[in-house]
Amino acid sequence: MSSELRNNIAIIGVGTIGTYILRALVATKKANIIVLTRAITAHPQHHIFHFHSHEQSHSPPPRRTLPPDLASVPLIEADYTNVPALTAIFQEHHIDIVVSTLPQVALHLQYPLADAAKASGTVKLFIPSEWGSPTEGAGHRGEDNNFGVKDSFMPHIRALGLPYTRFFTGFFMGRLKWVTGLDTNHVVNIIGKGETPFSTTNEEDIGGFVAHVLTTLPPTSPLLKNQCLRMEGDRVTIRDLARIFNQPIEFIPEGDEVPAKTPEEAAFKTFLQIEVESGMASTGWDRLNERERGDAGSANRLWEGHVWKKVEDCV
């Protein structure tokens, strides 16, 4: 009899990073996977801001489908507020691990998802939607931003007694040109001096790492249970990006924002660059104590032998 680990995994959402994780899991051929997507509701005024992909939509999204190479994965529409229905789905598919990739505006839906995961009796590990800079401590500090929203979910999941793993990735490499405003005015725009190192990880590496640890470690492993896994594919500065992209630099005057296509994007890019300048965009940053822990990329060791992509590899 084979003793190969084969977990049943439910991915919540199939946006940017969710698709990378799904594709990597399918490639391992070591997991049974389902994807849950929100049932379509017809609200003409519906407005979504996708935190990870930075895209906006002012109309109901089209019916979700998976890319052709992932079409064999069961795609289940679900009401994320219906705990009994979610519980039944997790039980029917004997789900061991729930992976949330929900965007910023949908993070409140993780509460009923976690309740359902706990009620199912089958889920052994819940992975909240982090996929960025470290948020640990932001809720305790009362931060009124996306970091605070993410971290404020943790008391709920701990109260449930539901084990979790948080994945801190740094910035997505595919969004670095966007963060610098290069997509808008064809120069690398810098808030501050642009000399502070920050963490960034390629999206394929993020998906591959998540798939690797979830298919080689049991969900009850102490390496996963109630852990924060800090990845880092590369460590660069904004000035480094100008050199790598071979583009000129433009320093943003104090009080101005990074150029963008909309005021909302400008505000968000500026916010992210302020995080970079202050050191908070390192996956080794301790938000609670406002210091560098020195362990950025410490989780990389769990993927022994893997060569992580650098920014220069992705230009």
Foldseek 3Di string as FASTA:
>chain_A
DDPFAEAEEEEEDCPDLNVLLLVLLVVVVRYQYAYEYADWDFDQQDWDQFAQVRDIDRGTDDPDAHPPVNRVHHYHHDHLQDLVVLLVVCLVRLHAEYAYQGGQVCQVSVLSNLVSLLVNVRHQEYEGHDAAFALAQVCVVVPPDSSNSRNVCVVSNVVSVHWYEYEYAFRALVCLCLLQLCVPPVAREAEDPQAFKAFYAHSNVVSNLVSLCPRPDPSPDPVGTNYYAAAGLEIGTSVVVCVLVVGHYDYDPPPAFRDDDDPVSRVVSRVVNVCRVQNRRFNQADPNVSDGNPCHRVNVVVVPPDRTDDSSNVD
